[in-house]
């Protein structure tokens, strides 16, 4: 998806945003609400009609649970269930996110015990 042209990295912003958004299970309207943009702005970005500002791209990446660095790689982190879960927690209060982290830790322990007992 990313290419080098004339020594510069060329990114198809629209395709990347659309893939990450769909991977996160979000509609364009939902993403627009999360990042405080008009839905038509998201549609225009995805269609390649416009490119996001750095501020908008940072907000979009945060809402989709990816870093700017991940956005500019050819890997698709949206396929990773952990990124989807992270994006889901984005609008929760800090205490709720801490509880989710505790649950994950408990499931890690449980999974390890079950995995070890199957050997």
PDB file of N, CA and C in Angstrom:
ATOM      1  N   UNK A   1       0.820  -1.190   0.000  1.00  0.00           N
ATOM      2  CA  UNK A   1       0.000   0.000   0.000  1.00  0.00           C
ATOM      3  C   UNK A   1       0.863   1.254   0.000  1.00  0.00           C
ATOM      4  N   UNK A   2       1.905   1.279   0.809  1.00  0.00           N
ATOM      5  CA  UNK A   2       2.823   2.405   0.832  1.00  0.00           C
ATOM      6  C   UNK A   2       3.891   2.180  -0.223  1.00  0.00           C
ATOM      7  N   UNK A   3       4.315   3.247  -0.879  1.00  0.00           N
ATOM      8  CA  UNK A   3       5.374   3.122  -1.859  1.00  0.00           C
ATOM      9  C   UNK A   3       6.347   4.277  -1.693  1.00  0.00           C
ATOM     10  N   UNK A   4       7.543   4.077  -2.221  1.00  0.00           N
ATOM     11  CA  UNK A   4       8.549   5.123  -2.235  1.00  0.00           C
ATOM     12  C   UNK A   4       8.585   5.672  -3.653  1.00  0.00           C
ATOM     13  N   UNK A   5       8.366   6.965  -3.797  1.00  0.00           N
ATOM     14  CA  UNK A   5       8.429   7.614  -5.098  1.00  0.00           C
ATOM     15  C   UNK A   5       9.304   8.849  -4.973  1.00  0.00           C
ATOM     16  N   UNK A   6      10.357   8.878  -5.762  1.00  0.00           N
ATOM     17  CA  UNK A   6      11.256  10.023  -5.714  1.00  0.00           C
ATOM     18  C   UNK A   6      11.869  10.223  -4.336  1.00  0.00           C
ATOM     19  N   UNK A   7      12.118   9.119  -3.630  1.00  0.00           N
ATOM     20  CA  UNK A   7      12.715   9.201  -2.301  1.00  0.00           C
ATOM     21  C   UNK A   7      11.737   9.579  -1.200  1.00  0.00           C
ATOM     22  N   UNK A   8      10.447   9.663  -1.533  1.00  0.00           N
ATOM     23  CA  UNK A   8       9.434  10.035  -0.539  1.00  0.00           C
ATOM     24  C   UNK A   8       8.454   8.895  -0.338  1.00  0.00           C
ATOM     25  N   UNK A   9       8.021   8.728   0.904  1.00  0.00           N
ATOM     26  CA  UNK A   9       7.017   7.721   1.231  1.00  0.00           C
ATOM     27  C   UNK A   9       5.650   8.234   0.794  1.00  0.00           C
ATOM     28  N   UNK A  10       4.967   7.453  -0.028  1.00  0.00           N
ATOM     29  CA  UNK A  10       3.625   7.823  -0.481  1.00  0.00           C
ATOM     30  C   UNK A  10       2.619   6.883   0.169  1.00  0.00           C
ATOM     31  N   UNK A  11       1.646   7.455   0.845  1.00  0.00           N
ATOM     32  CA  UNK A  11       0.651   6.683   1.571  1.00  0.00           C
ATOM     33  C   UNK A  11      -0.717   6.971   0.985  1.00  0.00           C
ATOM     34  N   UNK A  12      -1.497   5.927   0.762  1.00  0.00           N
ATOM     35  CA  UNK A  12      -2.885   6.099   0.358  1.00  0.00           C
ATOM     36  C   UNK A  12      -3.686   6.268   1.654  1.00  0.00           C
ATOM     37  N   UNK A  13      -3.789   7.518   2.110  1.00  0.00           N
ATOM     38  CA  UNK A  13      -4.431   7.815   3.392  1.00  0.00           C
ATOM     39  C   UNK A  13      -5.845   7.262   3.450  1.00  0.00           C
ATOM     40  N   UNK A  14      -6.593   7.487   2.397  1.00  0.00           N
ATOM     41  CA  UNK A  14      -7.988   7.065   2.390  1.00  0.00           C
ATOM     42  C   UNK A  14      -8.152   5.575   2.537  1.00  0.00           C
ATOM     43  N   UNK A  15      -7.380   4.819   1.763  1.00  0.00           N
ATOM     44  CA  UNK A  15      -7.479   3.361   1.837  1.00  0.00           C
ATOM     45  C   UNK A  15      -7.061   2.876   3.223  1.00  0.00           C
ATOM     46  N   UNK A  16      -6.007   3.468   3.768  1.00  0.00           N
ATOM     47  CA  UNK A  16      -5.511   3.047   5.077  1.00  0.00           C
ATOM     48  C   UNK A  16      -6.555   3.344   6.162  1.00  0.00           C
ATOM     49  N   UNK A  17      -7.148   4.535   6.124  1.00  0.00           N
ATOM     50  CA  UNK A  17      -8.172   4.896   7.113  1.00  0.00           C
ATOM     51  C   UNK A  17      -9.366   3.951   7.000  1.00  0.00           C
ATOM     52  N   UNK A  18      -9.809   3.686   5.772  1.00  0.00           N
ATOM     53  CA  UNK A  18     -10.960   2.800   5.557  1.00  0.00           C
ATOM     54  C   UNK A  18     -10.674   1.387   6.084  1.00  0.00           C
ATOM     55  N   UNK A  19      -9.488   0.849   5.775  1.00  0.00           N
ATOM     56  CA  UNK A  19      -9.137  -0.496   6.247  1.00  0.00           C
ATOM     57  C   UNK A  19      -9.096  -0.565   7.768  1.00  0.00           C
ATOM     58  N   UNK A  20      -8.472   0.432   8.395  1.00  0.00           N
ATOM     59  CA  UNK A  20      -8.381   0.450   9.853  1.00  0.00           C
ATOM     60  C   UNK A  20      -9.760   0.623  10.487  1.00  0.00           C
ATOM     61  N   UNK A  21     -10.571   1.497   9.896  1.00  0.00           N
ATOM     62  CA  UNK A  21     -11.917   1.749  10.424  1.00  0.00           C
ATOM     63  C   UNK A  21     -12.758   0.479  10.353  1.00  0.00           C
ATOM     64  N   UNK A  22     -12.732  -0.181   9.197  1.00  0.00           N
ATOM     65  CA  UNK A  22     -13.506  -1.412   9.050  1.00  0.00           C
ATOM     66  C   UNK A  22     -12.971  -2.498   9.964  1.00  0.00           C
ATOM     67  N   UNK A  23     -11.650  -2.567  10.103  1.00  0.00           N
ATOM     68  CA  UNK A  23     -11.045  -3.542  10.998  1.00  0.00           C
ATOM     69  C   UNK A  23     -11.442  -3.329  12.445  1.00  0.00           C
ATOM     70  N   UNK A  24     -11.680  -2.069  12.800  1.00  0.00           N
ATOM     71  CA  UNK A  24     -12.109  -1.744  14.162  1.00  0.00           C
ATOM     72  C   UNK A  24     -13.618  -1.906  14.324  1.00  0.00           C
ATOM     73  N   UNK A  25     -14.303  -2.222  13.227  1.00  0.00           N
ATOM     74  CA  UNK A  25     -15.748  -2.419  13.294  1.00  0.00           C
ATOM     75  C   UNK A  25     -16.528  -1.133  13.457  1.00  0.00           C
ATOM     76  N   UNK A  26     -15.994  -0.038  12.923  1.00  0.00           N
ATOM     77  CA  UNK A  26     -16.662   1.264  13.049  1.00  0.00           C
ATOM     78  C   UNK A  26     -17.213   1.719  11.715  1.00  0.00           C
ATOM     79  N   UNK A  27     -18.342   2.384  11.746  1.00  0.00           N
ATOM     80  CA  UNK A  27     -18.854   3.034  10.541  1.00  0.00           C
ATOM     81  C   UNK A  27     -18.131   4.372  10.391  1.00  0.00           C
ATOM     82  N   UNK A  28     -18.199   4.941   9.212  1.00  0.00           N
ATOM     83  CA  UNK A  28     -17.589   6.251   8.992  1.00  0.00           C
ATOM     84  C   UNK A  28     -18.241   7.298   9.900  1.00  0.00           C
ATOM     85  N   UNK A  29     -19.549   7.181  10.092  1.00  0.00           N
ATOM     86  CA  UNK A  29     -20.253   8.125  10.967  1.00  0.00           C
ATOM     87  C   UNK A  29     -19.781   8.018  12.414  1.00  0.00           C
ATOM     88  N   UNK A  30     -19.607   6.789  12.889  1.00  0.00           N
ATOM     89  CA  UNK A  30     -19.152   6.582  14.264  1.00  0.00           C
ATOM     90  C   UNK A  30     -17.743   7.126  14.445  1.00  0.00           C
ATOM     91  N   UNK A  31     -16.866   6.838  13.479  1.00  0.00           N
ATOM     92  CA  UNK A  31     -15.501   7.366  13.554  1.00  0.00           C
ATOM     93  C   UNK A  31     -15.527   8.893  13.566  1.00  0.00           C
ATOM     94  N   UNK A  32     -16.342   9.479  12.704  1.00  0.00           N
ATOM     95  CA  UNK A  32     -16.433  10.943  12.644  1.00  0.00           C
ATOM     96  C   UNK A  32     -16.842  11.529  13.990  1.00  0.00           C
ATOM     97  N   UNK A  33     -17.819  10.903  14.646  1.00  0.00           N
ATOM     98  CA  UNK A  33     -18.251  11.379  15.965  1.00  0.00           C
ATOM     99  C   UNK A  33     -17.130  11.263  16.985  1.00  0.00           C
ATOM    100  N   UNK A  34     -16.389  10.135  16.945  1.00  0.00           N
ATOM    101  CA  UNK A  34     -15.307   9.920  17.913  1.00  0.00           C
ATOM    102  C   UNK A  34     -14.193  10.950  17.777  1.00  0.00           C
ATOM    103  N   UNK A  35     -13.952  11.413  16.556  1.00  0.00           N
ATOM    104  CA  UNK A  35     -12.834  12.330  16.327  1.00  0.00           C
ATOM    105  C   UNK A  35     -13.282  13.766  16.078  1.00  0.00           C
ATOM    106  N   UNK A  36     -14.566  14.023  16.303  1.00  0.00           N
ATOM    107  CA  UNK A  36     -15.121  15.369  16.170  1.00  0.00           C
ATOM    108  C   UNK A  36     -14.913  15.956  14.771  1.00  0.00           C
ATOM    109  N   UNK A  37     -15.245  15.151  13.760  1.00  0.00           N
ATOM    110  CA  UNK A  37     -15.212  15.604  12.376  1.00  0.00           C
ATOM    111  C   UNK A  37     -16.569  15.359  11.746  1.00  0.00           C
ATOM    112  N   UNK A  38     -16.859  16.070  10.699  1.00  0.00           N
ATOM    113  CA  UNK A  38     -18.086  15.852   9.945  1.00  0.00           C
ATOM    114  C   UNK A  38     -17.945  14.530   9.179  1.00  0.00           C
ATOM    115  N   UNK A  39     -18.975  13.712   9.134  1.00  0.00           N
ATOM    116  CA  UNK A  39     -18.883  12.441   8.401  1.00  0.00           C
ATOM    117  C   UNK A  39     -18.453  12.611   6.944  1.00  0.00           C
ATOM    118  N   UNK A  40     -18.865  13.697   6.305  1.00  0.00           N
ATOM    119  CA  UNK A  40     -18.463  13.898   4.905  1.00  0.00           C
ATOM    120  C   UNK A  40     -16.948  14.079   4.790  1.00  0.00           C
ATOM    121  N   UNK A  41     -16.322  14.583   5.833  1.00  0.00           N
ATOM    122  CA  UNK A  41     -14.866  14.726   5.831  1.00  0.00           C
ATOM    123  C   UNK A  41     -14.213  13.356   5.800  1.00  0.00           C
ATOM    124  N   UNK A  42     -14.738  12.432   6.598  1.00  0.00           N
ATOM    125  CA  UNK A  42     -14.206  11.060   6.604  1.00  0.00           C
ATOM    126  C   UNK A  42     -14.417  10.425   5.230  1.00  0.00           C
ATOM    127  N   UNK A  43     -15.621  10.591   4.659  1.00  0.00           N
ATOM    128  CA  UNK A  43     -15.904  10.022   3.341  1.00  0.00           C
ATOM    129  C   UNK A  43     -14.956  10.595   2.291  1.00  0.00           C
ATOM    130  N   UNK A  44     -14.691  11.893   2.340  1.00  0.00           N
ATOM    131  CA  UNK A  44     -13.786  12.526   1.376  1.00  0.00           C
ATOM    132  C   UNK A  44     -12.358  12.004   1.535  1.00  0.00           C
ATOM    133  N   UNK A  45     -11.935  11.818   2.781  1.00  0.00           N
ATOM    134  CA  UNK A  45     -10.594  11.266   3.019  1.00  0.00           C
ATOM    135  C   UNK A  45     -10.498   9.867   2.435  1.00  0.00           C
ATOM    136  N   UNK A  46     -11.493   9.036   2.727  1.00  0.00           N
ATOM    137  CA  UNK A  46     -11.469   7.647   2.263  1.00  0.00           C
ATOM    138  C   UNK A  46     -11.559   7.550   0.744  1.00  0.00           C
ATOM    139  N   UNK A  47     -12.216   8.518   0.122  1.00  0.00           N
ATOM    140  CA  UNK A  47     -12.333   8.534  -1.335  1.00  0.00           C
ATOM    141  C   UNK A  47     -11.089   9.111  -2.002  1.00  0.00           C
ATOM    142  N   UNK A  48     -10.177   9.643  -1.201  1.00  0.00           N
ATOM    143  CA  UNK A  48      -8.959  10.230  -1.754  1.00  0.00           C
ATOM    144  C   UNK A  48      -9.143  11.646  -2.257  1.00  0.00           C
ATOM    145  N   UNK A  49     -10.281  12.253  -1.945  1.00  0.00           N
ATOM    146  CA  UNK A  49     -10.562  13.623  -2.371  1.00  0.00           C
ATOM    147  C   UNK A  49      -9.788  14.623  -1.522  1.00  0.00           C
ATOM    148  N   UNK A  50      -9.583  14.279  -0.238  1.00  0.00           N
ATOM    149  CA  UNK A  50      -8.822  15.158   0.647  1.00  0.00           C
ATOM    150  C   UNK A  50      -7.945  14.315   1.556  1.00  0.00           C
ATOM    151  N   UNK A  51      -6.918  14.970   2.107  1.00  0.00           N
ATOM    152  CA  UNK A  51      -6.020  14.311   3.051  1.00  0.00           C
ATOM    153  C   UNK A  51      -6.254  14.918   4.424  1.00  0.00           C
ATOM    154  N   UNK A  52      -6.090  14.106   5.467  1.00  0.00           N
ATOM    155  CA  UNK A  52      -6.296  14.634   6.819  1.00  0.00           C
ATOM    156  C   UNK A  52      -5.148  15.539   7.246  1.00  0.00           C
ATOM    157  N   UNK A  53      -5.469  16.520   8.073  1.00  0.00           N
ATOM    158  CA  UNK A  53      -4.416  17.310   8.704  1.00  0.00           C
ATOM    159  C   UNK A  53      -3.715  16.402   9.703  1.00  0.00           C
ATOM    160  N   UNK A  54      -2.552  16.815  10.172  1.00  0.00           N
ATOM    161  CA  UNK A  54      -1.840  16.001  11.160  1.00  0.00           C
ATOM    162  C   UNK A  54      -2.676  15.847  12.420  1.00  0.00           C
ATOM    163  N   UNK A  55      -3.335  16.923  12.845  1.00  0.00           N
ATOM    164  CA  UNK A  55      -4.190  16.867  14.038  1.00  0.00           C
ATOM    165  C   UNK A  55      -5.322  15.860  13.842  1.00  0.00           C
ATOM    166  N   UNK A  56      -5.988  15.921  12.689  1.00  0.00           N
ATOM    167  CA  UNK A  56      -7.090  14.990  12.413  1.00  0.00           C
ATOM    168  C   UNK A  56      -6.573  13.559  12.332  1.00  0.00           C
ATOM    169  N   UNK A  57      -5.410  13.364  11.703  1.00  0.00           N
ATOM    170  CA  UNK A  57      -4.859  12.022  11.584  1.00  0.00           C
ATOM    171  C   UNK A  57      -4.491  11.455  12.954  1.00  0.00           C
ATOM    172  N   UNK A  58      -3.952  12.287  13.830  1.00  0.00           N
ATOM    173  CA  UNK A  58      -3.641  11.830  15.190  1.00  0.00           C
ATOM    174  C   UNK A  58      -4.907  11.390  15.920  1.00  0.00           C
ATOM    175  N   UNK A  59      -5.995  12.168  15.780  1.00  0.00           N
ATOM    176  CA  UNK A  59      -7.253  11.817  16.437  1.00  0.00           C
ATOM    177  C   UNK A  59      -7.839  10.538  15.842  1.00  0.00           C
ATOM    178  N   UNK A  60      -7.749  10.401  14.533  1.00  0.00           N
ATOM    179  CA  UNK A  60      -8.252   9.203  13.866  1.00  0.00           C
ATOM    180  C   UNK A  60      -7.468   7.977  14.334  1.00  0.00           C
ATOM    181  N   UNK A  61      -6.161   8.091  14.363  1.00  0.00           N
ATOM    182  CA  UNK A  61      -5.324   6.965  14.816  1.00  0.00           C
ATOM    183  C   UNK A  61      -5.663   6.588  16.252  1.00  0.00           C
ATOM    184  N   UNK A  62      -5.817   7.582  17.119  1.00  0.00           N
ATOM    185  CA  UNK A  62      -6.149   7.298  18.521  1.00  0.00           C
ATOM    186  C   UNK A  62      -7.490   6.580  18.618  1.00  0.00           C
ATOM    187  N   UNK A  63      -8.466   7.022  17.840  1.00  0.00           N
ATOM    188  CA  UNK A  63      -9.794   6.403  17.873  1.00  0.00           C
ATOM    189  C   UNK A  63      -9.761   4.968  17.338  1.00  0.00           C
ATOM    190  N   UNK A  64      -8.818   4.706  16.444  1.00  0.00           N
ATOM    191  CA  UNK A  64      -8.712   3.371  15.847  1.00  0.00           C
ATOM    192  C   UNK A  64      -7.717   2.483  16.584  1.00  0.00           C
ATOM    193  N   UNK A  65      -7.094   3.034  17.619  1.00  0.00           N
ATOM    194  CA  UNK A  65      -6.186   2.236  18.445  1.00  0.00           C
ATOM    195  C   UNK A  65      -4.847   1.946  17.804  1.00  0.00           C
ATOM    196  N   UNK A  66      -4.381   2.845  16.941  1.00  0.00           N
ATOM    197  CA  UNK A  66      -3.059   2.677  16.327  1.00  0.00           C
ATOM    198  C   UNK A  66      -2.243   3.945  16.544  1.00  0.00           C
ATOM    199  N   UNK A  67      -0.941   3.794  16.494  1.00  0.00           N
ATOM    200  CA  UNK A  67      -0.060   4.953  16.581  1.00  0.00           C
ATOM    201  C   UNK A  67       0.158   5.508  15.178  1.00  0.00           C
ATOM    202  N   UNK A  68       0.696   6.711  15.110  1.00  0.00           N
ATOM    203  CA  UNK A  68       1.036   7.262  13.798  1.00  0.00           C
ATOM    204  C   UNK A  68       2.066   6.377  13.097  1.00  0.00           C
ATOM    205  N   UNK A  69       3.015   5.842  13.863  1.00  0.00           N
ATOM    206  CA  UNK A  69       4.030   4.957  13.281  1.00  0.00           C
ATOM    207  C   UNK A  69       3.369   3.731  12.648  1.00  0.00           C
ATOM    208  N   UNK A  70       2.404   3.142  13.347  1.00  0.00           N
ATOM    209  CA  UNK A  70       1.701   1.977  12.801  1.00  0.00           C
ATOM    210  C   UNK A  70       0.908   2.357  11.560  1.00  0.00           C
ATOM    211  N   UNK A  71       0.355   3.556  11.551  1.00  0.00           N
ATOM    212  CA  UNK A  71      -0.417   4.011  10.400  1.00  0.00           C
ATOM    213  C   UNK A  71       0.449   4.026   9.140  1.00  0.00           C
ATOM    214  N   UNK A  72       1.706   4.421   9.303  1.00  0.00           N
ATOM    215  CA  UNK A  72       2.581   4.562   8.146  1.00  0.00           C
ATOM    216  C   UNK A  72       3.352   3.297   7.790  1.00  0.00           C
ATOM    217  N   UNK A  73       3.013   2.168   8.405  1.00  0.00           N
ATOM    218  CA  UNK A  73       3.632   0.904   8.029  1.00  0.00           C
ATOM    219  C   UNK A  73       2.682   0.146   7.122  1.00  0.00           C
ATOM    220  N   UNK A  74       3.195  -0.859   6.462  1.00  0.00           N
ATOM    221  CA  UNK A  74       2.353  -1.682   5.590  1.00  0.00           C
ATOM    222  C   UNK A  74       1.586  -2.737   6.352  1.00  0.00           C
ATOM    223  N   UNK A  75       1.922  -2.937   7.623  1.00  0.00           N
ATOM    224  CA  UNK A  75       1.191  -3.908   8.421  1.00  0.00           C
ATOM    225  C   UNK A  75      -0.185  -3.356   8.741  1.00  0.00           C
ATOM    226  N   UNK A  76      -1.154  -4.223   8.891  1.00  0.00           N
ATOM    227  CA  UNK A  76      -2.522  -3.798   9.204  1.00  0.00           C
ATOM    228  C   UNK A  76      -2.850  -4.182  10.638  1.00  0.00           C
ATOM    229  N   UNK A  77      -2.572  -3.258  11.604  1.00  0.00           N
ATOM    230  CA  UNK A  77      -2.816  -3.597  13.000  1.00  0.00           C
ATOM    231  C   UNK A  77      -4.287  -3.749  13.341  1.00  0.00           C
ATOM    232  N   UNK A  78      -5.176  -3.313  12.465  1.00  0.00           N
ATOM    233  CA  UNK A  78      -6.603  -3.438  12.772  1.00  0.00           C
ATOM    234  C   UNK A  78      -7.029  -4.904  12.812  1.00  0.00           C
ATOM    235  N   UNK A  79      -6.251  -5.779  12.185  1.00  0.00           N
ATOM    236  CA  UNK A  79      -6.592  -7.202  12.212  1.00  0.00           C
ATOM    237  C   UNK A  79      -6.276  -7.812  13.564  1.00  0.00           C
ATOM    238  N   UNK A  80      -5.508  -7.123  14.324  1.00  0.00           N
ATOM    239  CA  UNK A  80      -5.118  -7.607  15.639  1.00  0.00           C
ATOM    240  C   UNK A  80      -6.249  -7.311  16.625  1.00  0.00           C
ATOM    241  N   UNK A  81      -6.761  -8.337  17.240  1.00  0.00           N
ATOM    242  CA  UNK A  81      -7.884  -8.188  18.169  1.00  0.00           C
ATOM    243  C   UNK A  81      -7.544  -7.252  19.325  1.00  0.00           C
ATOM    244  N   UNK A  82      -6.284  -7.226  19.729  1.00  0.00           N
ATOM    245  CA  UNK A  82      -5.877  -6.342  20.821  1.00  0.00           C
ATOM    246  C   UNK A  82      -6.078  -4.878  20.438  1.00  0.00           C
ATOM    247  N   UNK A  83      -5.796  -4.518  19.203  1.00  0.00           N
ATOM    248  CA  UNK A  83      -6.002  -3.137  18.769  1.00  0.00           C
ATOM    249  C   UNK A  83      -7.493  -2.791  18.746  1.00  0.00           C
ATOM    250  N   UNK A  84      -8.304  -3.741  18.328  1.00  0.00           N
ATOM    251  CA  UNK A  84      -9.748  -3.494  18.311  1.00  0.00           C
ATOM    252  C   UNK A  84     -10.247  -3.264  19.733  1.00  0.00           C
ATOM    253  N   UNK A  85      -9.775  -4.096  20.652  1.00  0.00           N
ATOM    254  CA  UNK A  85     -10.170  -3.947  22.049  1.00  0.00           C
ATOM    255  C   UNK A  85      -9.701  -2.604  22.607  1.00  0.00           C
ATOM    256  N   UNK A  86      -8.479  -2.234  22.284  1.00  0.00           N
ATOM    257  CA  UNK A  86      -7.939  -0.950  22.730  1.00  0.00           C
ATOM    258  C   UNK A  86      -8.811   0.198  22.228  1.00  0.00           C
ATOM    259  N   UNK A  87      -9.208   0.132  20.972  1.00  0.00           N
ATOM    260  CA  UNK A  87     -10.061   1.179  20.405  1.00  0.00           C
ATOM    261  C   UNK A  87     -11.414   1.240  21.113  1.00  0.00           C
ATOM    262  N   UNK A  88     -11.933   0.080  21.485  1.00  0.00           N
ATOM    263  CA  UNK A  88     -13.209   0.021  22.202  1.00  0.00           C
ATOM    264  C   UNK A  88     -13.123   0.702  23.561  1.00  0.00           C
ATOM    265  N   UNK A  89     -11.958   0.662  24.188  1.00  0.00           N
ATOM    266  CA  UNK A  89     -11.779   1.237  25.526  1.00  0.00           C
ATOM    267  C   UNK A  89     -11.503   2.736  25.490  1.00  0.00           C
ATOM    268  N   UNK A  90     -11.298   3.283  24.304  1.00  0.00           N
ATOM    269  CA  UNK A  90     -10.877   4.670  24.160  1.00  0.00           C
ATOM    270  C   UNK A  90     -11.747   5.696  24.849  1.00  0.00           C
ATOM    271  N   UNK A  91     -13.046   5.471  24.916  1.00  0.00           N
ATOM    272  CA  UNK A  91     -13.925   6.485  25.508  1.00  0.00           C
ATOM    273  C   UNK A  91     -14.372   6.125  26.923  1.00  0.00           C
ATOM    274  N   UNK A  92     -13.770   5.087  27.490  1.00  0.00           N
ATOM    275  CA  UNK A  92     -14.124   4.700  28.860  1.00  0.00           C
ATOM    276  C   UNK A  92     -13.334   5.530  29.871  1.00  0.00           C
ATOM    277  N   UNK A  93     -13.887   5.732  31.074  1.00  0.00           N
ATOM    278  CA  UNK A  93     -13.124   6.430  32.115  1.00  0.00           C
ATOM    279  C   UNK A  93     -11.927   5.583  32.553  1.00  0.00           C
ATOM    280  N   UNK A  94     -10.936   6.233  33.125  1.00  0.00           N
ATOM    281  CA  UNK A  94      -9.698   5.575  33.535  1.00  0.00           C
ATOM    282  C   UNK A  94      -9.955   4.363  34.423  1.00  0.00           C
ATOM    283  N   UNK A  95     -10.890   4.490  35.357  1.00  0.00           N
ATOM    284  CA  UNK A  95     -11.188   3.380  36.272  1.00  0.00           C
ATOM    285  C   UNK A  95     -11.692   2.156  35.506  1.00  0.00           C
ATOM    286  N   UNK A  96     -12.506   2.380  34.511  1.00  0.00           N
ATOM    287  CA  UNK A  96     -13.044   1.268  33.714  1.00  0.00           C
ATOM    288  C   UNK A  96     -11.929   0.594  32.919  1.00  0.00           C
ATOM    289  N   UNK A  97     -11.014   1.394  32.364  1.00  0.00           N
ATOM    290  CA  UNK A  97      -9.890   0.832  31.614  1.00  0.00           C
ATOM    291  C   UNK A  97      -9.016  -0.012  32.544  1.00  0.00           C
ATOM    292  N   UNK A  98      -8.831   0.457  33.780  1.00  0.00           N
ATOM    293  CA  UNK A  98      -8.054  -0.313  34.758  1.00  0.00           C
ATOM    294  C   UNK A  98      -8.732  -1.652  35.055  1.00  0.00           C
ATOM    295  N   UNK A  99     -10.051  -1.655  35.153  1.00  0.00           N
ATOM    296  CA  UNK A  99     -10.793  -2.897  35.393  1.00  0.00           C
ATOM    297  C   UNK A  99     -10.638  -3.858  34.213  1.00  0.00           C
ATOM    298  N   UNK A 100     -10.673  -3.320  33.000  1.00  0.00           N
ATOM    299  CA  UNK A 100     -10.481  -4.157  31.809  1.00  0.00           C
ATOM    300  C   UNK A 100      -9.085  -4.776  31.852  1.00  0.00           C
ATOM    301  N   UNK A 101      -8.083  -3.982  32.223  1.00  0.00           N
ATOM    302  CA  UNK A 101      -6.709  -4.502  32.330  1.00  0.00           C
ATOM    303  C   UNK A 101      -6.633  -5.618  33.374  1.00  0.00           C
ATOM    304  N   UNK A 102      -7.338  -5.457  34.481  1.00  0.00           N
ATOM    305  CA  UNK A 102      -7.367  -6.505  35.515  1.00  0.00           C
ATOM    306  C   UNK A 102      -8.001  -7.794  34.969  1.00  0.00           C
ATOM    307  N   UNK A 103      -9.087  -7.641  34.237  1.00  0.00           N
ATOM    308  CA  UNK A 103      -9.736  -8.816  33.646  1.00  0.00           C
ATOM    309  C   UNK A 103      -8.813  -9.529  32.667  1.00  0.00           C
ATOM    310  N   UNK A 104      -8.105  -8.749  31.874  1.00  0.00           N
ATOM    311  CA  UNK A 104      -7.171  -9.350  30.921  1.00  0.00           C
ATOM    312  C   UNK A 104      -6.100 -10.134  31.674  1.00  0.00           C
ATOM    313  N   UNK A 105      -5.582  -9.558  32.751  1.00  0.00           N
ATOM    314  CA  UNK A 105      -4.565 -10.255  33.557  1.00  0.00           C
ATOM    315  C   UNK A 105      -5.123 -11.564  34.112  1.00  0.00           C
ATOM    316  N   UNK A 106      -6.363 -11.540  34.585  1.00  0.00           N
ATOM    317  CA  UNK A 106      -6.983 -12.769  35.093  1.00  0.00           C
ATOM    318  C   UNK A 106      -7.146 -13.815  33.991  1.00  0.00           C
ATOM    319  N   UNK A 107      -7.556 -13.382  32.813  1.00  0.00           N
ATOM    320  CA  UNK A 107      -7.712 -14.319  31.703  1.00  0.00           C
ATOM    321  C   UNK A 107      -6.367 -14.874  31.247  1.00  0.00           C
ATOM    322  N   UNK A 108      -5.325 -14.063  31.325  1.00  0.00           N
ATOM    323  CA  UNK A 108      -3.988 -14.588  30.991  1.00  0.00           C
ATOM    324  C   UNK A 108      -3.614 -15.721  31.930  1.00  0.00           C
ATOM    325  N   UNK A 109      -3.872 -15.509  33.207  1.00  0.00           N
ATOM    326  CA  UNK A 109      -3.569 -16.549  34.202  1.00  0.00           C
ATOM    327  C   UNK A 109      -4.407 -17.790  33.912  1.00  0.00           C
ATOM    328  N   UNK A 110      -5.699 -17.598  33.689  1.00  0.00           N
ATOM    329  CA  UNK A 110      -6.592 -18.728  33.420  1.00  0.00           C
ATOM    330  C   UNK A 110      -6.168 -19.462  32.151  1.00  0.00           C
ATOM    331  N   UNK A 111      -5.873 -18.737  31.103  1.00  0.00           N
ATOM    332  CA  UNK A 111      -5.478 -19.358  29.837  1.00  0.00           C
ATOM    333  C   UNK A 111      -4.186 -20.143  29.998  1.00  0.00           C
ATOM    334  N   UNK A 112      -3.230 -19.589  30.714  1.00  0.00           N
ATOM    335  CA  UNK A 112      -1.959 -20.280  30.930  1.00  0.00           C
ATOM    336  C   UNK A 112      -2.179 -21.575  31.699  1.00  0.00           C
ATOM    337  N   UNK A 113      -3.009 -21.544  32.733  1.00  0.00           N
ATOM    338  CA  UNK A 113      -3.301 -22.750  33.515  1.00  0.00           C
ATOM    339  C   UNK A 113      -3.948 -23.793  32.617  1.00  0.00           C
ATOM    340  N   UNK A 114      -4.960 -23.412  31.836  1.00  0.00           N
ATOM    341  CA  UNK A 114      -5.630 -24.359  30.957  1.00  0.00           C
ATOM    342  C   UNK A 114      -4.673 -24.889  29.901  1.00  0.00           C
ATOM    343  N   UNK A 115      -3.844 -24.024  29.368  1.00  0.00           N
ATOM    344  CA  UNK A 115      -2.897 -24.421  28.331  1.00  0.00           C
ATOM    345  C   UNK A 115      -1.885 -25.426  28.895  1.00  0.00           C
ATOM    346  N   UNK A 116      -1.384 -25.152  30.100  1.00  0.00           N
ATOM    347  CA  UNK A 116      -0.422 -26.059  30.747  1.00  0.00           C
ATOM    348  C   UNK A 116      -1.068 -27.400  31.082  1.00  0.00           C
ATOM    349  N   UNK A 117      -2.323 -27.398  31.494  1.00  0.00           N
ATOM    350  CA  UNK A 117      -2.981 -28.651  31.880  1.00  0.00           C
ATOM    351  C   UNK A 117      -3.285 -29.532  30.670  1.00  0.00           C
ATOM    352  N   UNK A 118      -3.290 -28.960  29.476  1.00  0.00           N
ATOM    353  CA  UNK A 118      -3.566 -29.740  28.260  1.00  0.00           C
ATOM    354  C   UNK A 118      -2.333 -30.480  27.777  1.00  0.00           C
ATOM    355  N   UNK A 119      -1.157 -30.134  28.274  1.00  0.00           N
ATOM    356  CA  UNK A 119       0.090 -30.775  27.822  1.00  0.00           C
ATOM    357  C   UNK A 119       0.229 -32.158  28.388  1.00  0.00           C
TER     358      UNK A 119
END
